């Protein structure tokens, strides 16, 4: 077993060799750009780590890990277009640096390239990976549509929101881990268990992302802080404020969100204050802990050594306490 930094280093080295030098350059340059923009490489690291946990080398899982990363970045390119986001990881988004049509087309190409990477495996593993990938990709699209729908709804419930982030974010974390288990020919029971471990961790990760979107440091977070507030997103923070806040808090939150005359800075600060005063900020941090602990419960069912369980537990704790 390697540490997280070692997995990241070996994956980034593999990613460098994946650089696409083909024509038309206007299609492939944006792909190289987004893939080399940095980021935590969380999902591919999980694929590599899981492969080693179940007894094969990380190298054997590299193509599956890269597929996950290419797909994830494809979804970011299209998400940024839908959100009209100016920044991604502190740099210009693809559609801002090039144009809207290029962002759509380069994203489409990335989705196809993600599937192509499974061709590096023998038929049985290829089939299992492709089946999981198709299911996951469709769920990610469903999650994204829920997210879009919620922007124009005033009756979104917390269970609905949790389902949305499960599909939009968490299923890909679960799939990243299950892919490592598939490559390692782990038992079906262990494949499903590691998927659920990743799924719960993915929900915790997204809830933490919601929190950091409002309360994170813009220099380390890499995205526009307060972006969710400015886009009127019904995040966990928003929904918890509506649940826990006083009638005054609820009215003030709705008024602030709907007031187009407020400057962006004032709107963000006003809403953040409501998140804090209502107890929603604290409740969100508690939910992050709860879902992290759910993932730890799943660890008990895995047929791996205690040392390996401890590695996964430590990874979950690092995610829970991250600030970026």
C-alpha atoms as a PDB file:
ATOM      1  CA  UNK A   1       0.000   0.000   0.000  1.00  0.00           C
ATOM      2  CA  UNK A   2       1.226   3.452  -0.947  1.00  0.00           C
ATOM      3  CA  UNK A   3       0.311   6.811   0.560  1.00  0.00           C
ATOM      4  CA  UNK A   4      -2.065   9.216  -1.188  1.00  0.00           C
ATOM      5  CA  UNK A   5       0.747  11.396  -2.536  1.00  0.00           C
ATOM      6  CA  UNK A   6       2.449   8.397  -4.133  1.00  0.00           C
ATOM      7  CA  UNK A   7      -0.767   7.372  -5.907  1.00  0.00           C
ATOM      8  CA  UNK A   8      -1.264  10.945  -7.093  1.00  0.00           C
ATOM      9  CA  UNK A   9       2.302  11.162  -8.394  1.00  0.00           C
ATOM     10  CA  UNK A  10       2.133   7.873 -10.312  1.00  0.00           C
ATOM     11  CA  UNK A  11      -1.288   8.766 -11.749  1.00  0.00           C
ATOM     12  CA  UNK A  12      -0.180  12.227 -12.871  1.00  0.00           C
ATOM     13  CA  UNK A  13       2.838  10.640 -14.572  1.00  0.00           C
ATOM     14  CA  UNK A  14       0.495   8.265 -16.416  1.00  0.00           C
ATOM     15  CA  UNK A  15      -1.799  11.174 -17.287  1.00  0.00           C
ATOM     16  CA  UNK A  16       1.125  13.101 -18.838  1.00  0.00           C
ATOM     17  CA  UNK A  17       1.591  10.309 -21.375  1.00  0.00           C
ATOM     18  CA  UNK A  18      -2.120  10.406 -22.205  1.00  0.00           C
ATOM     19  CA  UNK A  19      -1.773  13.925 -23.618  1.00  0.00           C
ATOM     20  CA  UNK A  20      -3.690  13.974 -26.915  1.00  0.00           C
ATOM     21  CA  UNK A  21      -1.637  15.376 -29.793  1.00  0.00           C
ATOM     22  CA  UNK A  22      -4.081  14.961 -32.666  1.00  0.00           C
ATOM     23  CA  UNK A  23      -5.962  17.034 -35.198  1.00  0.00           C
ATOM     24  CA  UNK A  24      -8.065  19.090 -35.029  1.00  0.00           C
ATOM     25  CA  UNK A  25      -6.119  20.825 -32.277  1.00  0.00           C
ATOM     26  CA  UNK A  26      -9.151  22.973 -31.457  1.00  0.00           C
ATOM     27  CA  UNK A  27     -10.910  19.776 -30.281  1.00  0.00           C
ATOM     28  CA  UNK A  28      -8.038  18.217 -28.330  1.00  0.00           C
ATOM     29  CA  UNK A  29      -6.276  21.231 -26.811  1.00  0.00           C
ATOM     30  CA  UNK A  30      -9.214  21.958 -24.448  1.00  0.00           C
ATOM     31  CA  UNK A  31      -9.119  18.289 -23.354  1.00  0.00           C
ATOM     32  CA  UNK A  32      -5.421  18.490 -22.501  1.00  0.00           C
ATOM     33  CA  UNK A  33      -6.061  21.812 -20.768  1.00  0.00           C
ATOM     34  CA  UNK A  34      -8.816  20.583 -18.433  1.00  0.00           C
ATOM     35  CA  UNK A  35      -7.024  17.306 -17.633  1.00  0.00           C
ATOM     36  CA  UNK A  36      -3.847  19.163 -16.633  1.00  0.00           C
ATOM     37  CA  UNK A  37      -5.592  21.894 -14.686  1.00  0.00           C
ATOM     38  CA  UNK A  38      -4.814  20.139 -11.432  1.00  0.00           C
ATOM     39  CA  UNK A  39      -7.338  19.101  -8.839  1.00  0.00           C
ATOM     40  CA  UNK A  40      -7.174  16.525  -6.086  1.00  0.00           C
ATOM     41  CA  UNK A  41      -7.327  13.485  -8.418  1.00  0.00           C
ATOM     42  CA  UNK A  42      -9.512  11.952  -5.708  1.00  0.00           C
ATOM     43  CA  UNK A  43     -11.367   9.467  -7.887  1.00  0.00           C
ATOM     44  CA  UNK A  44      -8.429   7.915  -9.764  1.00  0.00           C
ATOM     45  CA  UNK A  45      -6.488   7.672  -6.497  1.00  0.00           C
ATOM     46  CA  UNK A  46      -9.400   5.698  -5.047  1.00  0.00           C
ATOM     47  CA  UNK A  47      -9.360   3.332  -8.030  1.00  0.00           C
ATOM     48  CA  UNK A  48      -5.620   2.686  -7.649  1.00  0.00           C
ATOM     49  CA  UNK A  49      -5.839   2.339  -3.884  1.00  0.00           C
ATOM     50  CA  UNK A  50      -8.739  -0.105  -4.087  1.00  0.00           C
ATOM     51  CA  UNK A  51      -6.935  -2.268  -6.655  1.00  0.00           C
ATOM     52  CA  UNK A  52      -3.972  -2.636  -4.280  1.00  0.00           C
ATOM     53  CA  UNK A  53      -6.246  -3.223  -1.296  1.00  0.00           C
ATOM     54  CA  UNK A  54      -7.656  -6.241  -3.153  1.00  0.00           C
ATOM     55  CA  UNK A  55      -4.265  -7.584  -4.158  1.00  0.00           C
ATOM     56  CA  UNK A  56      -3.142  -6.301  -7.566  1.00  0.00           C
ATOM     57  CA  UNK A  57      -0.708  -3.550  -8.508  1.00  0.00           C
ATOM     58  CA  UNK A  58      -1.882   0.007  -9.004  1.00  0.00           C
ATOM     59  CA  UNK A  59      -0.415  -0.139 -12.518  1.00  0.00           C
ATOM     60  CA  UNK A  60      -3.020  -2.700 -13.547  1.00  0.00           C
ATOM     61  CA  UNK A  61      -5.788  -0.246 -12.612  1.00  0.00           C
ATOM     62  CA  UNK A  62      -4.287   2.817 -14.345  1.00  0.00           C
ATOM     63  CA  UNK A  63      -6.551   2.696 -17.415  1.00  0.00           C
ATOM     64  CA  UNK A  64      -9.666   2.366 -15.236  1.00  0.00           C
ATOM     65  CA  UNK A  65      -8.450   5.224 -13.016  1.00  0.00           C
ATOM     66  CA  UNK A  66      -7.820   7.432 -16.042  1.00  0.00           C
ATOM     67  CA  UNK A  67     -11.264   6.605 -17.412  1.00  0.00           C
ATOM     68  CA  UNK A  68     -12.831   7.848 -14.174  1.00  0.00           C
ATOM     69  CA  UNK A  69     -10.781  11.053 -14.286  1.00  0.00           C
ATOM     70  CA  UNK A  70     -11.558  11.736 -17.957  1.00  0.00           C
ATOM     71  CA  UNK A  71     -15.278  11.194 -17.324  1.00  0.00           C
ATOM     72  CA  UNK A  72     -15.222  13.389 -14.228  1.00  0.00           C
ATOM     73  CA  UNK A  73     -13.555  16.207 -16.141  1.00  0.00           C
ATOM     74  CA  UNK A  74     -15.987  15.788 -19.039  1.00  0.00           C
ATOM     75  CA  UNK A  75     -18.822  16.356 -16.570  1.00  0.00           C
ATOM     76  CA  UNK A  76     -17.055  19.441 -15.195  1.00  0.00           C
ATOM     77  CA  UNK A  77     -16.695  20.977 -18.666  1.00  0.00           C
ATOM     78  CA  UNK A  78     -20.423  20.602 -19.302  1.00  0.00           C
ATOM     79  CA  UNK A  79     -21.403  21.588 -15.735  1.00  0.00           C
ATOM     80  CA  UNK A  80     -19.411  24.798 -16.104  1.00  0.00           C
ATOM     81  CA  UNK A  81     -21.279  25.589 -19.314  1.00  0.00           C
ATOM     82  CA  UNK A  82     -24.637  24.981 -17.633  1.00  0.00           C
ATOM     83  CA  UNK A  83     -23.624  27.085 -14.610  1.00  0.00           C
ATOM     84  CA  UNK A  84     -21.955  29.768 -16.749  1.00  0.00           C
ATOM     85  CA  UNK A  85     -18.991  29.435 -14.361  1.00  0.00           C
ATOM     86  CA  UNK A  86     -15.988  31.662 -15.057  1.00  0.00           C
ATOM     87  CA  UNK A  87     -13.422  29.695 -13.034  1.00  0.00           C
ATOM     88  CA  UNK A  88     -12.455  26.063 -12.502  1.00  0.00           C
ATOM     89  CA  UNK A  89      -9.591  25.323 -10.096  1.00  0.00           C
ATOM     90  CA  UNK A  90      -8.734  29.002 -10.141  1.00  0.00           C
ATOM     91  CA  UNK A  91      -8.315  29.115 -13.943  1.00  0.00           C
ATOM     92  CA  UNK A  92     -10.576  29.992 -16.864  1.00  0.00           C
ATOM     93  CA  UNK A  93     -13.196  27.366 -17.649  1.00  0.00           C
ATOM     94  CA  UNK A  94     -12.990  25.690 -21.077  1.00  0.00           C
ATOM     95  CA  UNK A  95     -15.977  27.529 -22.549  1.00  0.00           C
ATOM     96  CA  UNK A  96     -14.541  30.860 -21.354  1.00  0.00           C
ATOM     97  CA  UNK A  97     -11.036  30.188 -22.697  1.00  0.00           C
ATOM     98  CA  UNK A  98     -12.315  28.850 -26.029  1.00  0.00           C
ATOM     99  CA  UNK A  99     -16.059  29.087 -26.703  1.00  0.00           C
ATOM    100  CA  UNK A 100     -19.355  27.387 -25.955  1.00  0.00           C
ATOM    101  CA  UNK A 101     -19.391  25.057 -28.974  1.00  0.00           C
ATOM    102  CA  UNK A 102     -15.833  23.887 -28.337  1.00  0.00           C
ATOM    103  CA  UNK A 103     -16.700  23.166 -24.710  1.00  0.00           C
ATOM    104  CA  UNK A 104     -19.647  21.005 -25.754  1.00  0.00           C
ATOM    105  CA  UNK A 105     -17.764  19.110 -28.453  1.00  0.00           C
ATOM    106  CA  UNK A 106     -14.552  18.576 -26.482  1.00  0.00           C
ATOM    107  CA  UNK A 107     -16.671  17.321 -23.588  1.00  0.00           C
ATOM    108  CA  UNK A 108     -18.438  14.853 -25.892  1.00  0.00           C
ATOM    109  CA  UNK A 109     -15.056  13.574 -27.101  1.00  0.00           C
ATOM    110  CA  UNK A 110     -13.911  13.057 -23.497  1.00  0.00           C
ATOM    111  CA  UNK A 111     -16.906  10.858 -22.750  1.00  0.00           C
ATOM    112  CA  UNK A 112     -16.026   8.614 -25.706  1.00  0.00           C
ATOM    113  CA  UNK A 113     -12.358   8.535 -24.719  1.00  0.00           C
ATOM    114  CA  UNK A 114     -13.320   7.441 -21.210  1.00  0.00           C
ATOM    115  CA  UNK A 115     -15.046   4.355 -22.651  1.00  0.00           C
ATOM    116  CA  UNK A 116     -12.112   3.601 -24.967  1.00  0.00           C
ATOM    117  CA  UNK A 117      -9.794   3.128 -22.004  1.00  0.00           C
ATOM    118  CA  UNK A 118     -11.671  -0.034 -20.970  1.00  0.00           C
ATOM    119  CA  UNK A 119     -10.378  -1.658 -24.168  1.00  0.00           C
ATOM    120  CA  UNK A 120      -7.070  -2.193 -22.344  1.00  0.00           C
ATOM    121  CA  UNK A 121      -8.653  -4.983 -20.259  1.00  0.00           C
ATOM    122  CA  UNK A 122      -9.602  -8.576 -21.020  1.00  0.00           C
ATOM    123  CA  UNK A 123     -13.237  -9.143 -22.117  1.00  0.00           C
ATOM    124  CA  UNK A 124     -14.716 -10.152 -18.741  1.00  0.00           C
ATOM    125  CA  UNK A 125     -13.253  -7.152 -16.900  1.00  0.00           C
ATOM    126  CA  UNK A 126     -14.062  -4.868 -19.852  1.00  0.00           C
ATOM    127  CA  UNK A 127     -17.703  -5.922 -19.690  1.00  0.00           C
ATOM    128  CA  UNK A 128     -17.970  -5.429 -15.921  1.00  0.00           C
ATOM    129  CA  UNK A 129     -16.298  -2.010 -16.091  1.00  0.00           C
ATOM    130  CA  UNK A 130     -18.428  -0.837 -19.018  1.00  0.00           C
ATOM    131  CA  UNK A 131     -21.650  -2.013 -17.358  1.00  0.00           C
ATOM    132  CA  UNK A 132     -20.842  -0.160 -14.132  1.00  0.00           C
ATOM    133  CA  UNK A 133     -19.678   2.897 -16.063  1.00  0.00           C
ATOM    134  CA  UNK A 134     -22.866   3.136 -18.148  1.00  0.00           C
ATOM    135  CA  UNK A 135     -25.067   2.885 -15.057  1.00  0.00           C
ATOM    136  CA  UNK A 136     -22.979   5.495 -13.243  1.00  0.00           C
ATOM    137  CA  UNK A 137     -22.798   7.918 -16.184  1.00  0.00           C
ATOM    138  CA  UNK A 138     -26.588   7.858 -16.567  1.00  0.00           C
ATOM    139  CA  UNK A 139     -27.063   8.454 -12.827  1.00  0.00           C
ATOM    140  CA  UNK A 140     -24.676  11.418 -12.988  1.00  0.00           C
ATOM    141  CA  UNK A 141     -26.832  12.896 -15.766  1.00  0.00           C
ATOM    142  CA  UNK A 142     -29.965  12.302 -13.677  1.00  0.00           C
ATOM    143  CA  UNK A 143     -28.313  14.007 -10.710  1.00  0.00           C
ATOM    144  CA  UNK A 144     -27.352  16.977 -12.836  1.00  0.00           C
ATOM    145  CA  UNK A 145     -30.925  17.323 -14.107  1.00  0.00           C
ATOM    146  CA  UNK A 146     -32.277  17.190 -10.548  1.00  0.00           C
ATOM    147  CA  UNK A 147     -29.805  19.959  -9.703  1.00  0.00           C
ATOM    148  CA  UNK A 148     -31.077  22.098 -12.583  1.00  0.00           C
ATOM    149  CA  UNK A 149     -34.724  21.414 -11.690  1.00  0.00           C
ATOM    150  CA  UNK A 150     -34.170  22.405  -8.063  1.00  0.00           C
ATOM    151  CA  UNK A 151     -33.123  25.927  -9.082  1.00  0.00           C
ATOM    152  CA  UNK A 152     -36.710  26.766 -10.063  1.00  0.00           C
ATOM    153  CA  UNK A 153     -38.462  24.839  -7.286  1.00  0.00           C
ATOM    154  CA  UNK A 154     -39.355  26.189  -3.855  1.00  0.00           C
ATOM    155  CA  UNK A 155     -40.430  22.859  -2.381  1.00  0.00           C
ATOM    156  CA  UNK A 156     -37.194  20.848  -2.531  1.00  0.00           C
ATOM    157  CA  UNK A 157     -36.865  18.501   0.457  1.00  0.00           C
ATOM    158  CA  UNK A 158     -33.678  17.381   2.159  1.00  0.00           C
ATOM    159  CA  UNK A 159     -34.199  13.718   1.096  1.00  0.00           C
ATOM    160  CA  UNK A 160     -34.559  14.905  -2.510  1.00  0.00           C
ATOM    161  CA  UNK A 161     -31.389  16.940  -2.193  1.00  0.00           C
ATOM    162  CA  UNK A 162     -29.459  13.999  -0.757  1.00  0.00           C
ATOM    163  CA  UNK A 163     -30.633  11.832  -3.657  1.00  0.00           C
ATOM    164  CA  UNK A 164     -29.449  14.500  -6.088  1.00  0.00           C
ATOM    165  CA  UNK A 165     -25.935  14.692  -4.633  1.00  0.00           C
ATOM    166  CA  UNK A 166     -25.782  10.895  -4.414  1.00  0.00           C
ATOM    167  CA  UNK A 167     -26.384  10.666  -8.165  1.00  0.00           C
ATOM    168  CA  UNK A 168     -24.461  13.742  -9.233  1.00  0.00           C
ATOM    169  CA  UNK A 169     -21.345  13.118  -7.127  1.00  0.00           C
ATOM    170  CA  UNK A 170     -21.361  10.105  -4.827  1.00  0.00           C
ATOM    171  CA  UNK A 171     -22.071   7.307  -7.318  1.00  0.00           C
ATOM    172  CA  UNK A 172     -18.912   8.209  -9.252  1.00  0.00           C
ATOM    173  CA  UNK A 173     -16.821   7.966  -6.081  1.00  0.00           C
ATOM    174  CA  UNK A 174     -18.386   4.566  -5.387  1.00  0.00           C
ATOM    175  CA  UNK A 175     -17.823   3.472  -8.974  1.00  0.00           C
ATOM    176  CA  UNK A 176     -14.185   4.599  -8.878  1.00  0.00           C
ATOM    177  CA  UNK A 177     -13.577   2.269  -5.942  1.00  0.00           C
ATOM    178  CA  UNK A 178     -15.603  -0.595  -7.392  1.00  0.00           C
ATOM    179  CA  UNK A 179     -13.597  -0.357 -10.629  1.00  0.00           C
ATOM    180  CA  UNK A 180     -10.426  -0.993  -8.649  1.00  0.00           C
ATOM    181  CA  UNK A 181     -12.102  -4.022  -7.074  1.00  0.00           C
ATOM    182  CA  UNK A 182     -13.276  -5.278 -10.495  1.00  0.00           C
ATOM    183  CA  UNK A 183      -9.769  -5.014 -11.948  1.00  0.00           C
ATOM    184  CA  UNK A 184      -8.500  -6.975  -8.923  1.00  0.00           C
ATOM    185  CA  UNK A 185     -11.167  -9.691  -9.393  1.00  0.00           C
ATOM    186  CA  UNK A 186     -12.490  -9.137  -5.862  1.00  0.00           C
ATOM    187  CA  UNK A 187     -15.623 -11.040  -4.803  1.00  0.00           C
ATOM    188  CA  UNK A 188     -18.998  -9.577  -5.772  1.00  0.00           C
ATOM    189  CA  UNK A 189     -19.715  -8.987  -2.068  1.00  0.00           C
ATOM    190  CA  UNK A 190     -16.530  -6.976  -1.623  1.00  0.00           C
ATOM    191  CA  UNK A 191     -17.144  -5.085  -4.867  1.00  0.00           C
ATOM    192  CA  UNK A 192     -20.578  -4.005  -3.633  1.00  0.00           C
ATOM    193  CA  UNK A 193     -19.303  -3.160  -0.140  1.00  0.00           C
ATOM    194  CA  UNK A 194     -16.444  -0.971  -1.399  1.00  0.00           C
ATOM    195  CA  UNK A 195     -18.941   0.735  -3.732  1.00  0.00           C
ATOM    196  CA  UNK A 196     -21.141   1.627  -0.754  1.00  0.00           C
ATOM    197  CA  UNK A 197     -18.124   2.795   1.232  1.00  0.00           C
ATOM    198  CA  UNK A 198     -17.281   5.163  -1.617  1.00  0.00           C
ATOM    199  CA  UNK A 199     -20.903   6.220  -2.092  1.00  0.00           C
ATOM    200  CA  UNK A 200     -21.296   7.318   1.537  1.00  0.00           C
ATOM    201  CA  UNK A 201     -17.910   9.025   1.390  1.00  0.00           C
ATOM    202  CA  UNK A 202     -19.021  10.786  -1.792  1.00  0.00           C
ATOM    203  CA  UNK A 203     -22.124  12.196  -0.090  1.00  0.00           C
ATOM    204  CA  UNK A 204     -19.945  13.436   2.776  1.00  0.00           C
ATOM    205  CA  UNK A 205     -17.535  14.938   0.238  1.00  0.00           C
ATOM    206  CA  UNK A 206     -20.309  16.861  -1.547  1.00  0.00           C
ATOM    207  CA  UNK A 207     -21.815  18.138   1.693  1.00  0.00           C
ATOM    208  CA  UNK A 208     -18.354  19.374   2.641  1.00  0.00           C
ATOM    209  CA  UNK A 209     -18.095  20.966  -0.814  1.00  0.00           C
ATOM    210  CA  UNK A 210     -21.398  22.777  -0.179  1.00  0.00           C
ATOM    211  CA  UNK A 211     -20.002  24.062   3.094  1.00  0.00           C
ATOM    212  CA  UNK A 212     -16.702  25.170   1.547  1.00  0.00           C
ATOM    213  CA  UNK A 213     -18.513  26.881  -1.339  1.00  0.00           C
ATOM    214  CA  UNK A 214     -19.909  29.293   1.232  1.00  0.00           C
ATOM    215  CA  UNK A 215     -17.222  29.312   3.912  1.00  0.00           C
ATOM    216  CA  UNK A 216     -14.040  28.208   2.122  1.00  0.00           C
ATOM    217  CA  UNK A 217     -10.940  30.219   1.283  1.00  0.00           C
ATOM    218  CA  UNK A 218     -11.100  31.304  -2.384  1.00  0.00           C
ATOM    219  CA  UNK A 219      -7.326  30.933  -2.742  1.00  0.00           C
ATOM    220  CA  UNK A 220      -7.345  27.272  -1.721  1.00  0.00           C
ATOM    221  CA  UNK A 221     -10.874  26.256  -2.754  1.00  0.00           C
ATOM    222  CA  UNK A 222     -10.170  26.987  -6.436  1.00  0.00           C
ATOM    223  CA  UNK A 223     -13.709  28.012  -7.279  1.00  0.00           C
ATOM    224  CA  UNK A 224     -15.737  31.166  -6.849  1.00  0.00           C
ATOM    225  CA  UNK A 225     -16.699  31.231  -3.159  1.00  0.00           C
ATOM    226  CA  UNK A 226     -20.413  31.912  -2.801  1.00  0.00           C
ATOM    227  CA  UNK A 227     -21.096  30.584  -6.295  1.00  0.00           C
ATOM    228  CA  UNK A 228     -23.949  28.368  -5.106  1.00  0.00           C
ATOM    229  CA  UNK A 229     -25.574  31.348  -3.367  1.00  0.00           C
ATOM    230  CA  UNK A 230     -25.313  33.542  -6.476  1.00  0.00           C
ATOM    231  CA  UNK A 231     -26.801  30.734  -8.587  1.00  0.00           C
ATOM    232  CA  UNK A 232     -29.733  30.372  -6.138  1.00  0.00           C
ATOM    233  CA  UNK A 233     -28.922  26.715  -5.549  1.00  0.00           C
ATOM    234  CA  UNK A 234     -30.963  24.856  -2.960  1.00  0.00           C
ATOM    235  CA  UNK A 235     -27.948  23.402  -1.173  1.00  0.00           C
ATOM    236  CA  UNK A 236     -27.991  21.514   2.108  1.00  0.00           C
ATOM    237  CA  UNK A 237     -27.098  24.809   3.833  1.00  0.00           C
ATOM    238  CA  UNK A 238     -30.082  26.548   2.237  1.00  0.00           C
ATOM    239  CA  UNK A 239     -32.526  23.738   3.004  1.00  0.00           C
ATOM    240  CA  UNK A 240     -31.311  23.417   6.596  1.00  0.00           C
ATOM    241  CA  UNK A 241     -31.736  27.162   7.080  1.00  0.00           C
ATOM    242  CA  UNK A 242     -35.345  26.836   5.888  1.00  0.00           C
ATOM    243  CA  UNK A 243     -35.832  23.917   8.289  1.00  0.00           C
ATOM    244  CA  UNK A 244     -34.037  25.250  11.384  1.00  0.00           C
ATOM    245  CA  UNK A 245     -34.322  29.022  10.991  1.00  0.00           C
ATOM    246  CA  UNK A 246     -36.963  31.304  12.471  1.00  0.00           C
ATOM    247  CA  UNK A 247     -39.742  32.690  10.285  1.00  0.00           C
ATOM    248  CA  UNK A 248     -37.650  35.865  10.054  1.00  0.00           C
ATOM    249  CA  UNK A 249     -34.616  33.871   8.878  1.00  0.00           C
ATOM    250  CA  UNK A 250     -36.661  32.097   6.215  1.00  0.00           C
ATOM    251  CA  UNK A 251     -38.164  35.335   4.939  1.00  0.00           C
ATOM    252  CA  UNK A 252     -34.776  37.055   4.934  1.00  0.00           C
ATOM    253  CA  UNK A 253     -33.188  34.134   3.052  1.00  0.00           C
ATOM    254  CA  UNK A 254     -35.860  34.135   0.346  1.00  0.00           C
ATOM    255  CA  UNK A 255     -35.740  37.933   0.069  1.00  0.00           C
ATOM    256  CA  UNK A 256     -31.948  37.953  -0.239  1.00  0.00           C
ATOM    257  CA  UNK A 257     -31.948  35.197  -2.856  1.00  0.00           C
ATOM    258  CA  UNK A 258     -34.642  36.900  -4.955  1.00  0.00           C
ATOM    259  CA  UNK A 259     -33.317  40.466  -4.642  1.00  0.00           C
ATOM    260  CA  UNK A 260     -31.602  41.265  -7.940  1.00  0.00           C
ATOM    261  CA  UNK A 261     -30.658  44.739  -6.707  1.00  0.00           C
ATOM    262  CA  UNK A 262     -28.264  43.420  -4.040  1.00  0.00           C
ATOM    263  CA  UNK A 263     -24.592  43.410  -5.032  1.00  0.00           C
ATOM    264  CA  UNK A 264     -23.005  39.956  -5.209  1.00  0.00           C
ATOM    265  CA  UNK A 265     -20.779  40.592  -2.186  1.00  0.00           C
ATOM    266  CA  UNK A 266     -23.641  41.776   0.026  1.00  0.00           C
ATOM    267  CA  UNK A 267     -25.888  38.929  -1.099  1.00  0.00           C
ATOM    268  CA  UNK A 268     -23.229  36.303  -0.299  1.00  0.00           C
ATOM    269  CA  UNK A 269     -22.392  37.786   3.113  1.00  0.00           C
ATOM    270  CA  UNK A 270     -26.069  38.184   4.081  1.00  0.00           C
ATOM    271  CA  UNK A 271     -26.915  34.592   3.174  1.00  0.00           C
ATOM    272  CA  UNK A 272     -23.793  33.220   4.898  1.00  0.00           C
ATOM    273  CA  UNK A 273     -24.820  35.021   8.085  1.00  0.00           C
ATOM    274  CA  UNK A 274     -28.248  33.366   7.884  1.00  0.00           C
ATOM    275  CA  UNK A 275     -26.595  29.959   7.360  1.00  0.00           C
ATOM    276  CA  UNK A 276     -24.581  30.510  10.537  1.00  0.00           C
ATOM    277  CA  UNK A 277     -27.268  32.058  12.746  1.00  0.00           C
ATOM    278  CA  UNK A 278     -29.884  29.409  11.928  1.00  0.00           C
ATOM    279  CA  UNK A 279     -27.559  26.541  12.852  1.00  0.00           C
ATOM    280  CA  UNK A 280     -27.502  25.283   9.259  1.00  0.00           C
ATOM    281  CA  UNK A 281     -23.716  25.655   8.964  1.00  0.00           C
ATOM    282  CA  UNK A 282     -23.180  23.495  12.044  1.00  0.00           C
ATOM    283  CA  UNK A 283     -25.817  20.978  10.904  1.00  0.00           C
ATOM    284  CA  UNK A 284     -24.036  20.623   7.561  1.00  0.00           C
ATOM    285  CA  UNK A 285     -20.747  19.838   9.282  1.00  0.00           C
ATOM    286  CA  UNK A 286     -22.560  17.262  11.438  1.00  0.00           C
ATOM    287  CA  UNK A 287     -24.029  15.646   8.309  1.00  0.00           C
ATOM    288  CA  UNK A 288     -20.515  15.358   6.858  1.00  0.00           C
ATOM    289  CA  UNK A 289     -19.485  13.434   9.988  1.00  0.00           C
ATOM    290  CA  UNK A 290     -22.597  11.240   9.881  1.00  0.00           C
ATOM    291  CA  UNK A 291     -22.043  10.088   6.301  1.00  0.00           C
ATOM    292  CA  UNK A 292     -18.340   9.568   6.909  1.00  0.00           C
ATOM    293  CA  UNK A 293     -19.223   7.347   9.864  1.00  0.00           C
ATOM    294  CA  UNK A 294     -21.697   5.416   7.678  1.00  0.00           C
ATOM    295  CA  UNK A 295     -18.846   4.678   5.297  1.00  0.00           C
ATOM    296  CA  UNK A 296     -16.758   3.429   8.244  1.00  0.00           C
ATOM    297  CA  UNK A 297     -19.556   1.028   9.233  1.00  0.00           C
ATOM    298  CA  UNK A 298     -19.360  -0.560   5.764  1.00  0.00           C
ATOM    299  CA  UNK A 299     -15.624  -1.176   6.284  1.00  0.00           C
ATOM    300  CA  UNK A 300     -16.448  -3.755   8.937  1.00  0.00           C
ATOM    301  CA  UNK A 301     -17.999  -6.041   6.291  1.00  0.00           C
ATOM    302  CA  UNK A 302     -14.979  -6.062   3.929  1.00  0.00           C
ATOM    303  CA  UNK A 303     -12.827  -9.179   3.670  1.00  0.00           C
ATOM    304  CA  UNK A 304      -9.517  -7.342   3.991  1.00  0.00           C
ATOM    305  CA  UNK A 305      -6.943  -6.932   6.745  1.00  0.00           C
ATOM    306  CA  UNK A 306      -7.360  -4.461   9.580  1.00  0.00           C
ATOM    307  CA  UNK A 307      -4.324  -2.551   8.309  1.00  0.00           C
ATOM    308  CA  UNK A 308      -6.036  -1.969   4.971  1.00  0.00           C
ATOM    309  CA  UNK A 309      -9.278  -0.953   6.675  1.00  0.00           C
ATOM    310  CA  UNK A 310      -7.288   1.587   8.672  1.00  0.00           C
ATOM    311  CA  UNK A 311      -5.871   3.068   5.440  1.00  0.00           C
ATOM    312  CA  UNK A 312      -9.418   3.579   4.124  1.00  0.00           C
ATOM    313  CA  UNK A 313     -10.568   4.980   7.459  1.00  0.00           C
ATOM    314  CA  UNK A 314      -7.698   7.493   7.484  1.00  0.00           C
ATOM    315  CA  UNK A 315      -8.584   8.555   3.944  1.00  0.00           C
ATOM    316  CA  UNK A 316     -12.183   9.178   5.000  1.00  0.00           C
ATOM    317  CA  UNK A 317     -11.067  11.242   7.975  1.00  0.00           C
ATOM    318  CA  UNK A 318      -8.830  13.378   5.745  1.00  0.00           C
ATOM    319  CA  UNK A 319     -11.765  14.066   3.415  1.00  0.00           C
ATOM    320  CA  UNK A 320     -14.037  14.954   6.315  1.00  0.00           C
ATOM    321  CA  UNK A 321     -11.549  17.522   7.621  1.00  0.00           C
ATOM    322  CA  UNK A 322     -10.418  19.004   4.300  1.00  0.00           C
ATOM    323  CA  UNK A 323     -10.473  22.736   3.655  1.00  0.00           C
ATOM    324  CA  UNK A 324      -9.976  22.679  -0.128  1.00  0.00           C
END
